[in-house]
Amino acid sequence: MAKSKGKNSDYKAASQYSAAKTDDKKGKKTTSTMDRAQKIANDRKKKKNQPNKPKEKGKVKAYFKGVKLEMKKVVWPTKKELGSFTVVVLCTCAAFALLFWGLDSGTLAAIKAICF
């Protein structure tokens, strides 16, 4: 299982210990926030200090099976769509190339006019 970091993982970890908190008016024992936080920290240290398990041989094969399944879910463009997308990309690249060439030439001309 993947290890998640961030607010959600802390929230989930804290929520499992929140059940220990009870109402003091009913005569039951309460657990302070610091106690719960300390317990969470101790649990994390225990998990961190556990030795890593050796990798299983079937994991690589399972990974590529998963990749194959996900690739089947992809909606690939048709030849006509691919051609039109290619034309759009090439035209956009040409337009930006001309824009940058113009800006570069203009800046160079301005520098030559000022300095030389």
PDB file of N, CA and C in Angstrom:
ATOM      1  N   MET A   1       0.841  -1.176   0.000  1.00  0.00           N
ATOM      2  CA  MET A   1       0.000   0.000   0.000  1.00  0.00           C
ATOM      3  C   MET A   1       0.884   1.236   0.000  1.00  0.00           C
ATOM      4  N   ALA A   2       0.542   2.216  -0.787  1.00  0.00           N
ATOM      5  CA  ALA A   2       1.347   3.421  -0.918  1.00  0.00           C
ATOM      6  C   ALA A   2       1.248   4.261   0.334  1.00  0.00           C
ATOM      7  N   LYS A   3       2.350   4.878   0.692  1.00  0.00           N
ATOM      8  CA  LYS A   3       2.390   5.709   1.871  1.00  0.00           C
ATOM      9  C   LYS A   3       2.067   7.139   1.464  1.00  0.00           C
ATOM     10  N   SER A   4       1.029   7.706   2.025  1.00  0.00           N
ATOM     11  CA  SER A   4       0.641   9.059   1.645  1.00  0.00           C
ATOM     12  C   SER A   4       1.114  10.035   2.704  1.00  0.00           C
ATOM     13  N   LYS A   5       1.490  11.208   2.245  1.00  0.00           N
ATOM     14  CA  LYS A   5       1.954  12.255   3.144  1.00  0.00           C
ATOM     15  C   LYS A   5       1.020  13.435   3.032  1.00  0.00           C
ATOM     16  N   GLY A   6       1.036  14.279   4.033  1.00  0.00           N
ATOM     17  CA  GLY A   6       0.235  15.491   3.963  1.00  0.00           C
ATOM     18  C   GLY A   6      -0.842  15.527   5.013  1.00  0.00           C
ATOM     19  N   LYS A   7      -1.757  16.457   4.840  1.00  0.00           N
ATOM     20  CA  LYS A   7      -2.810  16.689   5.814  1.00  0.00           C
ATOM     21  C   LYS A   7      -3.718  15.480   5.981  1.00  0.00           C
ATOM     22  N   ASN A   8      -4.090  14.839   4.899  1.00  0.00           N
ATOM     23  CA  ASN A   8      -5.049  13.742   4.968  1.00  0.00           C
ATOM     24  C   ASN A   8      -4.523  12.574   5.778  1.00  0.00           C
ATOM     25  N   SER A   9      -3.249  12.236   5.617  1.00  0.00           N
ATOM     26  CA  SER A   9      -2.720  11.095   6.348  1.00  0.00           C
ATOM     27  C   SER A   9      -2.672  11.402   7.841  1.00  0.00           C
ATOM     28  N   ASP A  10      -2.322  12.642   8.209  1.00  0.00           N
ATOM     29  CA  ASP A  10      -2.317  13.009   9.620  1.00  0.00           C
ATOM     30  C   ASP A  10      -3.727  12.979  10.178  1.00  0.00           C
ATOM     31  N   TYR A  11      -4.672  13.420   9.384  1.00  0.00           N
ATOM     32  CA  TYR A  11      -6.054  13.422   9.837  1.00  0.00           C
ATOM     33  C   TYR A  11      -6.548  12.006  10.077  1.00  0.00           C
ATOM     34  N   LYS A  12      -6.227  11.111   9.137  1.00  0.00           N
ATOM     35  CA  LYS A  12      -6.661   9.724   9.274  1.00  0.00           C
ATOM     36  C   LYS A  12      -6.014   9.081  10.495  1.00  0.00           C
ATOM     37  N   ALA A  13      -4.720   9.360  10.683  1.00  0.00           N
ATOM     38  CA  ALA A  13      -4.027   8.769  11.821  1.00  0.00           C
ATOM     39  C   ALA A  13      -4.597   9.295  13.136  1.00  0.00           C
ATOM     40  N   ALA A  14      -4.913  10.583  13.182  1.00  0.00           N
ATOM     41  CA  ALA A  14      -5.459  11.169  14.399  1.00  0.00           C
ATOM     42  C   ALA A  14      -6.873  10.688  14.661  1.00  0.00           C
ATOM     43  N   SER A  15      -7.632  10.439  13.599  1.00  0.00           N
ATOM     44  CA  SER A  15      -9.024  10.045  13.785  1.00  0.00           C
ATOM     45  C   SER A  15      -9.147   8.660  14.399  1.00  0.00           C
ATOM     46  N   GLN A  16      -8.162   7.786  14.179  1.00  0.00           N
ATOM     47  CA  GLN A  16      -8.267   6.463  14.756  1.00  0.00           C
ATOM     48  C   GLN A  16      -8.057   6.492  16.263  1.00  0.00           C
ATOM     49  N   TYR A  17      -7.374   7.526  16.756  1.00  0.00           N
ATOM     50  CA  TYR A  17      -7.165   7.642  18.189  1.00  0.00           C
ATOM     51  C   TYR A  17      -8.193   8.549  18.859  1.00  0.00           C
ATOM     52  N   SER A  18      -9.009   9.239  18.062  1.00  0.00           N
ATOM     53  CA  SER A  18      -9.974  10.161  18.637  1.00  0.00           C
ATOM     54  C   SER A  18     -11.076   9.433  19.383  1.00  0.00           C
ATOM     55  N   ALA A  19     -11.260   8.157  19.115  1.00  0.00           N
ATOM     56  CA  ALA A  19     -12.283   7.387  19.813  1.00  0.00           C
ATOM     57  C   ALA A  19     -11.939   7.222  21.286  1.00  0.00           C
ATOM     58  N   ALA A  20     -10.664   7.347  21.632  1.00  0.00           N
ATOM     59  CA  ALA A  20     -10.255   7.197  23.022  1.00  0.00           C
ATOM     60  C   ALA A  20     -10.703   8.376  23.882  1.00  0.00           C
ATOM     61  N   LYS A  21     -11.019   9.492  23.276  1.00  0.00           N
ATOM     62  CA  LYS A  21     -11.442  10.669  24.015  1.00  0.00           C
ATOM     63  C   LYS A  21     -12.895  10.504  24.429  1.00  0.00           C
ATOM     64  N   THR A  22     -13.167  10.654  25.712  1.00  0.00           N
ATOM     65  CA  THR A  22     -14.524  10.525  26.232  1.00  0.00           C
ATOM     66  C   THR A  22     -14.856  11.725  27.081  1.00  0.00           C
ATOM     67  N   ASP A  23     -16.083  11.841  27.453  1.00  0.00           N
ATOM     68  CA  ASP A  23     -16.554  12.976  28.230  1.00  0.00           C
ATOM     69  C   ASP A  23     -16.207  12.779  29.705  1.00  0.00           C
ATOM     70  N   ASP A  24     -15.564  13.782  30.317  1.00  0.00           N
ATOM     71  CA  ASP A  24     -15.145  13.704  31.704  1.00  0.00           C
ATOM     72  C   ASP A  24     -16.341  13.803  32.649  1.00  0.00           C
ATOM     73  N   LYS A  25     -17.430  14.438  32.231  1.00  0.00           N
ATOM     74  CA  LYS A  25     -18.609  14.611  33.080  1.00  0.00           C
ATOM     75  C   LYS A  25     -19.274  13.277  33.389  1.00  0.00           C
ATOM     76  N   LYS A  26     -19.096  12.307  32.529  1.00  0.00           N
ATOM     77  CA  LYS A  26     -19.704  10.997  32.735  1.00  0.00           C
ATOM     78  C   LYS A  26     -18.845  10.128  33.647  1.00  0.00           C
ATOM     79  N   GLY A  27     -17.729  10.663  34.112  1.00  0.00           N
ATOM     80  CA  GLY A  27     -16.873   9.926  35.011  1.00  0.00           C
ATOM     81  C   GLY A  27     -15.883   9.020  34.305  1.00  0.00           C
ATOM     82  N   LYS A  28     -15.791   9.144  33.001  1.00  0.00           N
ATOM     83  CA  LYS A  28     -14.855   8.321  32.248  1.00  0.00           C
ATOM     84  C   LYS A  28     -13.550   9.072  32.052  1.00  0.00           C
ATOM     85  N   LYS A  29     -12.520   8.334  31.790  1.00  0.00           N
ATOM     86  CA  LYS A  29     -11.200   8.896  31.599  1.00  0.00           C
ATOM     87  C   LYS A  29     -11.098   9.588  30.240  1.00  0.00           C
ATOM     88  N   THR A  30     -10.470  10.747  30.168  1.00  0.00           N
ATOM     89  CA  THR A  30     -10.273  11.443  28.888  1.00  0.00           C
ATOM     90  C   THR A  30      -8.818  11.315  28.458  1.00  0.00           C
ATOM     91  N   THR A  31      -8.608  11.329  27.169  1.00  0.00           N
ATOM     92  CA  THR A  31      -7.268  11.290  26.607  1.00  0.00           C
ATOM     93  C   THR A  31      -6.991  12.651  26.005  1.00  0.00           C
ATOM     94  N   SER A  32      -5.888  13.251  26.410  1.00  0.00           N
ATOM     95  CA  SER A  32      -5.586  14.588  25.911  1.00  0.00           C
ATOM     96  C   SER A  32      -5.056  14.513  24.483  1.00  0.00           C
ATOM     97  N   THR A  33      -5.052  15.640  23.841  1.00  0.00           N
ATOM     98  CA  THR A  33      -4.558  15.734  22.473  1.00  0.00           C
ATOM     99  C   THR A  33      -3.078  15.375  22.421  1.00  0.00           C
ATOM    100  N   MET A  34      -2.336  15.788  23.429  1.00  0.00           N
ATOM    101  CA  MET A  34      -0.914  15.479  23.465  1.00  0.00           C
ATOM    102  C   MET A  34      -0.676  13.980  23.587  1.00  0.00           C
ATOM    103  N   ASP A  35      -1.500  13.292  24.385  1.00  0.00           N
ATOM    104  CA  ASP A  35      -1.358  11.842  24.516  1.00  0.00           C
ATOM    105  C   ASP A  35      -1.623  11.143  23.184  1.00  0.00           C
ATOM    106  N   ARG A  36      -2.675  11.580  22.486  1.00  0.00           N
ATOM    107  CA  ARG A  36      -2.992  10.983  21.184  1.00  0.00           C
ATOM    108  C   ARG A  36      -1.879  11.254  20.189  1.00  0.00           C
ATOM    109  N   ALA A  37      -1.337  12.495  20.204  1.00  0.00           N
ATOM    110  CA  ALA A  37      -0.257  12.848  19.286  1.00  0.00           C
ATOM    111  C   ALA A  37       0.984  12.017  19.582  1.00  0.00           C
ATOM    112  N   GLN A  38       1.271  11.801  20.864  1.00  0.00           N
ATOM    113  CA  GLN A  38       2.428  10.998  21.231  1.00  0.00           C
ATOM    114  C   GLN A  38       2.261   9.553  20.777  1.00  0.00           C
ATOM    115  N   LYS A  39       1.059   9.025  20.902  1.00  0.00           N
ATOM    116  CA  LYS A  39       0.794   7.658  20.467  1.00  0.00           C
ATOM    117  C   LYS A  39       0.960   7.528  18.952  1.00  0.00           C
ATOM    118  N   ILE A  40       0.483   8.527  18.211  1.00  0.00           N
ATOM    119  CA  ILE A  40       0.638   8.522  16.752  1.00  0.00           C
ATOM    120  C   ILE A  40       2.122   8.547  16.391  1.00  0.00           C
ATOM    121  N   ALA A  41       2.889   9.405  17.069  1.00  0.00           N
ATOM    122  CA  ALA A  41       4.323   9.509  16.794  1.00  0.00           C
ATOM    123  C   ALA A  41       5.026   8.192  17.097  1.00  0.00           C
ATOM    124  N   ASN A  42       4.668   7.544  18.194  1.00  0.00           N
ATOM    125  CA  ASN A  42       5.280   6.255  18.539  1.00  0.00           C
ATOM    126  C   ASN A  42       4.947   5.195  17.503  1.00  0.00           C
ATOM    127  N   ASP A  43       3.700   5.179  17.028  1.00  0.00           N
ATOM    128  CA  ASP A  43       3.304   4.217  16.000  1.00  0.00           C
ATOM    129  C   ASP A  43       4.097   4.432  14.714  1.00  0.00           C
ATOM    130  N   ARG A  44       4.324   5.683  14.355  1.00  0.00           N
ATOM    131  CA  ARG A  44       5.096   5.978  13.151  1.00  0.00           C
ATOM    132  C   ARG A  44       6.536   5.511  13.288  1.00  0.00           C
ATOM    133  N   LYS A  45       7.116   5.703  14.484  1.00  0.00           N
ATOM    134  CA  LYS A  45       8.482   5.252  14.711  1.00  0.00           C
ATOM    135  C   LYS A  45       8.584   3.744  14.591  1.00  0.00           C
ATOM    136  N   LYS A  46       7.579   3.029  15.125  1.00  0.00           N
ATOM    137  CA  LYS A  46       7.579   1.572  15.042  1.00  0.00           C
ATOM    138  C   LYS A  46       7.534   1.119  13.585  1.00  0.00           C
ATOM    139  N   LYS A  47       6.651   1.761  12.790  1.00  0.00           N
ATOM    140  CA  LYS A  47       6.533   1.394  11.383  1.00  0.00           C
ATOM    141  C   LYS A  47       7.819   1.692  10.626  1.00  0.00           C
ATOM    142  N   LYS A  48       8.474   2.814  10.980  1.00  0.00           N
ATOM    143  CA  LYS A  48       9.687   3.227  10.287  1.00  0.00           C
ATOM    144  C   LYS A  48      10.846   2.279  10.598  1.00  0.00           C
ATOM    145  N   ASN A  49      10.885   1.745  11.815  1.00  0.00           N
ATOM    146  CA  ASN A  49      11.991   0.891  12.230  1.00  0.00           C
ATOM    147  C   ASN A  49      11.841  -0.555  11.791  1.00  0.00           C
ATOM    148  N   GLN A  50      10.711  -0.931  11.221  1.00  0.00           N
ATOM    149  CA  GLN A  50      10.527  -2.299  10.765  1.00  0.00           C
ATOM    150  C   GLN A  50      11.370  -2.546   9.519  1.00  0.00           C
ATOM    151  N   PRO A  51      12.009  -3.713   9.440  1.00  0.00           N
ATOM    152  CA  PRO A  51      12.847  -3.990   8.256  1.00  0.00           C
ATOM    153  C   PRO A  51      11.975  -4.149   7.018  1.00  0.00           C
ATOM    154  N   ASN A  52      12.550  -3.775   5.869  1.00  0.00           N
ATOM    155  CA  ASN A  52      11.830  -3.879   4.599  1.00  0.00           C
ATOM    156  C   ASN A  52      11.740  -5.341   4.180  1.00  0.00           C
ATOM    157  N   LYS A  53      10.615  -5.714   3.617  1.00  0.00           N
ATOM    158  CA  LYS A  53      10.427  -7.060   3.120  1.00  0.00           C
ATOM    159  C   LYS A  53      11.101  -7.178   1.751  1.00  0.00           C
ATOM    160  N   PRO A  54      11.648  -8.340   1.434  1.00  0.00           N
ATOM    161  CA  PRO A  54      12.237  -8.504   0.094  1.00  0.00           C
ATOM    162  C   PRO A  54      11.147  -8.441  -0.974  1.00  0.00           C
ATOM    163  N   LYS A  55      11.520  -7.943  -2.153  1.00  0.00           N
ATOM    164  CA  LYS A  55      10.554  -7.791  -3.229  1.00  0.00           C
ATOM    165  C   LYS A  55      10.165  -9.157  -3.773  1.00  0.00           C
ATOM    166  N   GLU A  56       8.910  -9.275  -4.114  1.00  0.00           N
ATOM    167  CA  GLU A  56       8.430 -10.513  -4.696  1.00  0.00           C
ATOM    168  C   GLU A  56       8.682 -10.500  -6.203  1.00  0.00           C
ATOM    169  N   LYS A  57       8.898 -11.672  -6.771  1.00  0.00           N
ATOM    170  CA  LYS A  57       9.230 -11.771  -8.193  1.00  0.00           C
ATOM    171  C   LYS A  57       8.049 -11.427  -9.095  1.00  0.00           C
ATOM    172  N   GLY A  58       6.835 -11.679  -8.657  1.00  0.00           N
ATOM    173  CA  GLY A  58       5.664 -11.471  -9.491  1.00  0.00           C
ATOM    174  C   GLY A  58       5.220 -10.025  -9.597  1.00  0.00           C
ATOM    175  N   LYS A  59       5.842  -9.139  -8.853  1.00  0.00           N
ATOM    176  CA  LYS A  59       5.399  -7.743  -8.859  1.00  0.00           C
ATOM    177  C   LYS A  59       5.659  -7.055 -10.193  1.00  0.00           C
ATOM    178  N   VAL A  60       6.767  -7.377 -10.832  1.00  0.00           N
ATOM    179  CA  VAL A  60       7.093  -6.741 -12.114  1.00  0.00           C
ATOM    180  C   VAL A  60       6.072  -7.165 -13.165  1.00  0.00           C
ATOM    181  N   LYS A  61       5.764  -8.447 -13.180  1.00  0.00           N
ATOM    182  CA  LYS A  61       4.785  -8.954 -14.137  1.00  0.00           C
ATOM    183  C   LYS A  61       3.418  -8.331 -13.881  1.00  0.00           C
ATOM    184  N   ALA A  62       3.036  -8.211 -12.624  1.00  0.00           N
ATOM    185  CA  ALA A  62       1.749  -7.609 -12.275  1.00  0.00           C
ATOM    186  C   ALA A  62       1.716  -6.132 -12.671  1.00  0.00           C
ATOM    187  N   TYR A  63       2.853  -5.463 -12.533  1.00  0.00           N
ATOM    188  CA  TYR A  63       2.927  -4.051 -12.913  1.00  0.00           C
ATOM    189  C   TYR A  63       2.630  -3.877 -14.401  1.00  0.00           C
ATOM    190  N   PHE A  64       3.269  -4.693 -15.232  1.00  0.00           N
ATOM    191  CA  PHE A  64       3.065  -4.560 -16.671  1.00  0.00           C
ATOM    192  C   PHE A  64       1.667  -4.987 -17.092  1.00  0.00           C
ATOM    193  N   LYS A  65       1.063  -5.905 -16.354  1.00  0.00           N
ATOM    194  CA  LYS A  65      -0.329  -6.248 -16.630  1.00  0.00           C
ATOM    195  C   LYS A  65      -1.225  -5.039 -16.350  1.00  0.00           C
ATOM    196  N   GLY A  66      -0.931  -4.341 -15.267  1.00  0.00           N
ATOM    197  CA  GLY A  66      -1.691  -3.137 -14.934  1.00  0.00           C
ATOM    198  C   GLY A  66      -1.515  -2.049 -15.976  1.00  0.00           C
ATOM    199  N   VAL A  67      -0.287  -1.906 -16.471  1.00  0.00           N
ATOM    200  CA  VAL A  67      -0.021  -0.916 -17.519  1.00  0.00           C
ATOM    201  C   VAL A  67      -0.820  -1.245 -18.765  1.00  0.00           C
ATOM    202  N   LYS A  68      -0.845  -2.529 -19.117  1.00  0.00           N
ATOM    203  CA  LYS A  68      -1.575  -2.952 -20.310  1.00  0.00           C
ATOM    204  C   LYS A  68      -3.070  -2.670 -20.162  1.00  0.00           C
ATOM    205  N   LEU A  69      -3.617  -2.944 -18.972  1.00  0.00           N
ATOM    206  CA  LEU A  69      -5.040  -2.672 -18.734  1.00  0.00           C
ATOM    207  C   LEU A  69      -5.356  -1.178 -18.822  1.00  0.00           C
ATOM    208  N   GLU A  70      -4.473  -0.354 -18.269  1.00  0.00           N
ATOM    209  CA  GLU A  70      -4.698   1.094 -18.313  1.00  0.00           C
ATOM    210  C   GLU A  70      -4.580   1.638 -19.736  1.00  0.00           C
ATOM    211  N   MET A  71      -3.660   1.082 -20.515  1.00  0.00           N
ATOM    212  CA  MET A  71      -3.501   1.540 -21.894  1.00  0.00           C
ATOM    213  C   MET A  71      -4.722   1.202 -22.745  1.00  0.00           C
ATOM    214  N   LYS A  72      -5.426   0.137 -22.383  1.00  0.00           N
ATOM    215  CA  LYS A  72      -6.648  -0.203 -23.107  1.00  0.00           C
ATOM    216  C   LYS A  72      -7.751   0.811 -22.827  1.00  0.00           C
ATOM    217  N   LYS A  73      -7.684   1.494 -21.694  1.00  0.00           N
ATOM    218  CA  LYS A  73      -8.712   2.469 -21.328  1.00  0.00           C
ATOM    219  C   LYS A  73      -8.517   3.818 -22.019  1.00  0.00           C
ATOM    220  N   VAL A  74      -7.334   4.035 -22.576  1.00  0.00           N
ATOM    221  CA  VAL A  74      -7.025   5.308 -23.230  1.00  0.00           C
ATOM    222  C   VAL A  74      -7.842   5.444 -24.509  1.00  0.00           C
ATOM    223  N   VAL A  75      -8.389   6.627 -24.722  1.00  0.00           N
ATOM    224  CA  VAL A  75      -9.115   6.907 -25.962  1.00  0.00           C
ATOM    225  C   VAL A  75      -8.118   7.560 -26.914  1.00  0.00           C
ATOM    226  N   TRP A  76      -7.687   6.805 -27.910  1.00  0.00           N
ATOM    227  CA  TRP A  76      -6.682   7.279 -28.850  1.00  0.00           C
ATOM    228  C   TRP A  76      -7.354   8.089 -29.960  1.00  0.00           C
ATOM    229  N   PRO A  77      -6.663   9.138 -30.456  1.00  0.00           N
ATOM    230  CA  PRO A  77      -7.254   9.943 -31.534  1.00  0.00           C
ATOM    231  C   PRO A  77      -7.266   9.178 -32.854  1.00  0.00           C
ATOM    232  N   THR A  78      -8.213   9.552 -33.704  1.00  0.00           N
ATOM    233  CA  THR A  78      -8.271   8.945 -35.036  1.00  0.00           C
ATOM    234  C   THR A  78      -7.174   9.548 -35.901  1.00  0.00           C
ATOM    235  N   LYS A  79      -6.967   8.987 -37.098  1.00  0.00           N
ATOM    236  CA  LYS A  79      -5.934   9.512 -37.998  1.00  0.00           C
ATOM    237  C   LYS A  79      -6.241  10.951 -38.393  1.00  0.00           C
ATOM    238  N   LYS A  80      -7.520  11.243 -38.612  1.00  0.00           N
ATOM    239  CA  LYS A  80      -7.924  12.588 -39.007  1.00  0.00           C
ATOM    240  C   LYS A  80      -7.651  13.584 -37.871  1.00  0.00           C
ATOM    241  N   GLU A  81      -8.010  13.201 -36.637  1.00  0.00           N
ATOM    242  CA  GLU A  81      -7.768  14.070 -35.480  1.00  0.00           C
ATOM    243  C   GLU A  81      -6.271  14.261 -35.259  1.00  0.00           C
ATOM    244  N   LEU A  82      -5.514  13.187 -35.403  1.00  0.00           N
ATOM    245  CA  LEU A  82      -4.063  13.259 -35.222  1.00  0.00           C
ATOM    246  C   LEU A  82      -3.434  14.213 -36.230  1.00  0.00           C
ATOM    247  N   GLY A  83      -3.907  14.157 -37.471  1.00  0.00           N
ATOM    248  CA  GLY A  83      -3.398  15.063 -38.500  1.00  0.00           C
ATOM    249  C   GLY A  83      -3.710  16.510 -38.182  1.00  0.00           C
ATOM    250  N   SER A  84      -4.936  16.772 -37.742  1.00  0.00           N
ATOM    251  CA  SER A  84      -5.304  18.162 -37.423  1.00  0.00           C
ATOM    252  C   SER A  84      -4.545  18.659 -36.189  1.00  0.00           C
ATOM    253  N   PHE A  85      -4.343  17.792 -35.190  1.00  0.00           N
ATOM    254  CA  PHE A  85      -3.578  18.194 -34.003  1.00  0.00           C
ATOM    255  C   PHE A  85      -2.135  18.518 -34.381  1.00  0.00           C
ATOM    256  N   THR A  86      -1.577  17.729 -35.291  1.00  0.00           N
ATOM    257  CA  THR A  86      -0.201  17.951 -35.737  1.00  0.00           C
ATOM    258  C   THR A  86      -0.073  19.289 -36.442  1.00  0.00           C
ATOM    259  N   VAL A  87      -1.038  19.619 -37.293  1.00  0.00           N
ATOM    260  CA  VAL A  87      -1.020  20.907 -38.005  1.00  0.00           C
ATOM    261  C   VAL A  87      -1.109  22.056 -37.008  1.00  0.00           C
ATOM    262  N   VAL A  88      -1.970  21.932 -36.017  1.00  0.00           N
ATOM    263  CA  VAL A  88      -2.111  22.988 -35.013  1.00  0.00           C
ATOM    264  C   VAL A  88      -0.802  23.187 -34.256  1.00  0.00           C
ATOM    265  N   VAL A  89      -0.149  22.103 -33.856  1.00  0.00           N
ATOM    266  CA  VAL A  89       1.113  22.202 -33.114  1.00  0.00           C
ATOM    267  C   VAL A  89       2.193  22.848 -33.978  1.00  0.00           C
ATOM    268  N   LEU A  90       2.310  22.425 -35.236  1.00  0.00           N
ATOM    269  CA  LEU A  90       3.333  23.000 -36.116  1.00  0.00           C
ATOM    270  C   LEU A  90       3.093  24.484 -36.376  1.00  0.00           C
ATOM    271  N   CYS A  91       1.827  24.873 -36.573  1.00  0.00           N
ATOM    272  CA  CYS A  91       1.509  26.293 -36.786  1.00  0.00           C
ATOM    273  C   CYS A  91       1.805  27.125 -35.537  1.00  0.00           C
ATOM    274  N   THR A  92       1.490  26.582 -34.383  1.00  0.00           N
ATOM    275  CA  THR A  92       1.760  27.299 -33.137  1.00  0.00           C
ATOM    276  C   THR A  92       3.267  27.472 -32.939  1.00  0.00           C
ATOM    277  N   CYS A  93       4.037  26.413 -33.213  1.00  0.00           N
ATOM    278  CA  CYS A  93       5.497  26.513 -33.090  1.00  0.00           C
ATOM    279  C   CYS A  93       6.064  27.549 -34.063  1.00  0.00           C
ATOM    280  N   ALA A  94       5.566  27.555 -35.279  1.00  0.00           N
ATOM    281  CA  ALA A  94       6.036  28.528 -36.275  1.00  0.00           C
ATOM    282  C   ALA A  94       5.685  29.955 -35.845  1.00  0.00           C
ATOM    283  N   ALA A  95       4.482  30.161 -35.322  1.00  0.00           N
ATOM    284  CA  ALA A  95       4.074  31.488 -34.873  1.00  0.00           C
ATOM    285  C   ALA A  95       4.958  31.987 -33.735  1.00  0.00           C
ATOM    286  N   PHE A  96       5.242  31.114 -32.767  1.00  0.00           N
ATOM    287  CA  PHE A  96       6.103  31.524 -31.661  1.00  0.00           C
ATOM    288  C   PHE A  96       7.535  31.757 -32.139  1.00  0.00           C
ATOM    289  N   ALA A  97       8.013  30.944 -33.073  1.00  0.00           N
ATOM    290  CA  ALA A  97       9.362  31.150 -33.615  1.00  0.00           C
ATOM    291  C   ALA A  97       9.465  32.521 -34.282  1.00  0.00           C
ATOM    292  N   LEU A  98       8.459  32.886 -35.078  1.00  0.00           N
ATOM    293  CA  LEU A  98       8.451  34.214 -35.714  1.00  0.00           C
ATOM    294  C   LEU A  98       8.362  35.329 -34.677  1.00  0.00           C
ATOM    295  N   LEU A  99       7.551  35.136 -33.660  1.00  0.00           N
ATOM    296  CA  LEU A  99       7.410  36.142 -32.598  1.00  0.00           C
ATOM    297  C   LEU A  99       8.745  36.368 -31.894  1.00  0.00           C
ATOM    298  N   PHE A 100       9.409  35.271 -31.496  1.00  0.00           N
ATOM    299  CA  PHE A 100      10.684  35.411 -30.795  1.00  0.00           C
ATOM    300  C   PHE A 100      11.768  35.966 -31.713  1.00  0.00           C
ATOM    301  N   TRP A 101      11.748  35.586 -32.996  1.00  0.00           N
ATOM    302  CA  TRP A 101      12.708  36.145 -33.943  1.00  0.00           C
ATOM    303  C   TRP A 101      12.512  37.655 -34.064  1.00  0.00           C
ATOM    304  N   GLY A 102      11.260  38.078 -34.146  1.00  0.00           N
ATOM    305  CA  GLY A 102      10.966  39.517 -34.243  1.00  0.00           C
ATOM    306  C   GLY A 102      11.401  40.266 -32.994  1.00  0.00           C
ATOM    307  N   LEU A 103      11.096  39.707 -31.826  1.00  0.00           N
ATOM    308  CA  LEU A 103      11.513  40.361 -30.578  1.00  0.00           C
ATOM    309  C   LEU A 103      13.027  40.424 -30.461  1.00  0.00           C
ATOM    310  N   ASP A 104      13.702  39.351 -30.830  1.00  0.00           N
ATOM    311  CA  ASP A 104      15.164  39.310 -30.767  1.00  0.00           C
ATOM    312  C   ASP A 104      15.780  40.313 -31.732  1.00  0.00           C
ATOM    313  N   SER A 105      15.261  40.366 -32.967  1.00  0.00           N
ATOM    314  CA  SER A 105      15.785  41.314 -33.957  1.00  0.00           C
ATOM    315  C   SER A 105      15.525  42.751 -33.520  1.00  0.00           C
ATOM    316  N   GLY A 106      14.359  43.002 -32.982  1.00  0.00           N
ATOM    317  CA  GLY A 106      14.031  44.350 -32.512  1.00  0.00           C
ATOM    318  C   GLY A 106      14.911  44.780 -31.350  1.00  0.00           C
ATOM    319  N   THR A 107      15.152  43.854 -30.418  1.00  0.00           N
ATOM    320  CA  THR A 107      16.012  44.172 -29.270  1.00  0.00           C
ATOM    321  C   THR A 107      17.441  44.416 -29.735  1.00  0.00           C
ATOM    322  N   LEU A 108      17.932  43.597 -30.663  1.00  0.00           N
ATOM    323  CA  LEU A 108      19.280  43.783 -31.186  1.00  0.00           C
ATOM    324  C   LEU A 108      19.414  45.109 -31.914  1.00  0.00           C
ATOM    325  N   ALA A 109      18.411  45.484 -32.702  1.00  0.00           N
ATOM    326  CA  ALA A 109      18.435  46.762 -33.412  1.00  0.00           C
ATOM    327  C   ALA A 109      18.415  47.931 -32.430  1.00  0.00           C
ATOM    328  N   ALA A 110      17.641  47.796 -31.345  1.00  0.00           N
ATOM    329  CA  ALA A 110      17.579  48.855 -30.343  1.00  0.00           C
ATOM    330  C   ALA A 110      18.923  49.007 -29.624  1.00  0.00           C
ATOM    331  N   ILE A 111      19.562  47.885 -29.308  1.00  0.00           N
ATOM    332  CA  ILE A 111      20.854  47.931 -28.630  1.00  0.00           C
ATOM    333  C   ILE A 111      21.906  48.563 -29.541  1.00  0.00           C
ATOM    334  N   LYS A 112      21.902  48.205 -30.817  1.00  0.00           N
ATOM    335  CA  LYS A 112      22.866  48.768 -31.776  1.00  0.00           C
ATOM    336  C   LYS A 112      22.637  50.279 -31.936  1.00  0.00           C
ATOM    337  N   ALA A 113      21.363  50.700 -31.944  1.00  0.00           N
ATOM    338  CA  ALA A 113      21.053  52.126 -32.099  1.00  0.00           C
ATOM    339  C   ALA A 113      21.513  52.916 -30.880  1.00  0.00           C
ATOM    340  N   ILE A 114      21.406  52.343 -29.703  1.00  0.00           N
ATOM    341  CA  ILE A 114      21.767  53.062 -28.485  1.00  0.00           C
ATOM    342  C   ILE A 114      23.281  53.055 -28.248  1.00  0.00           C
ATOM    343  N   CYS A 115      23.899  51.893 -28.393  1.00  0.00           N
ATOM    344  CA  CYS A 115      25.306  51.746 -28.024  1.00  0.00           C
ATOM    345  C   CYS A 115      26.288  52.096 -29.139  1.00  0.00           C
ATOM    346  N   PHE A 116      25.938  51.895 -30.388  1.00  0.00           N
ATOM    347  CA  PHE A 116      26.926  52.084 -31.461  1.00  0.00           C
ATOM    348  C   PHE A 116      26.575  53.224 -32.310  1.00  0.00           C
TER     349      PHE A 116
END
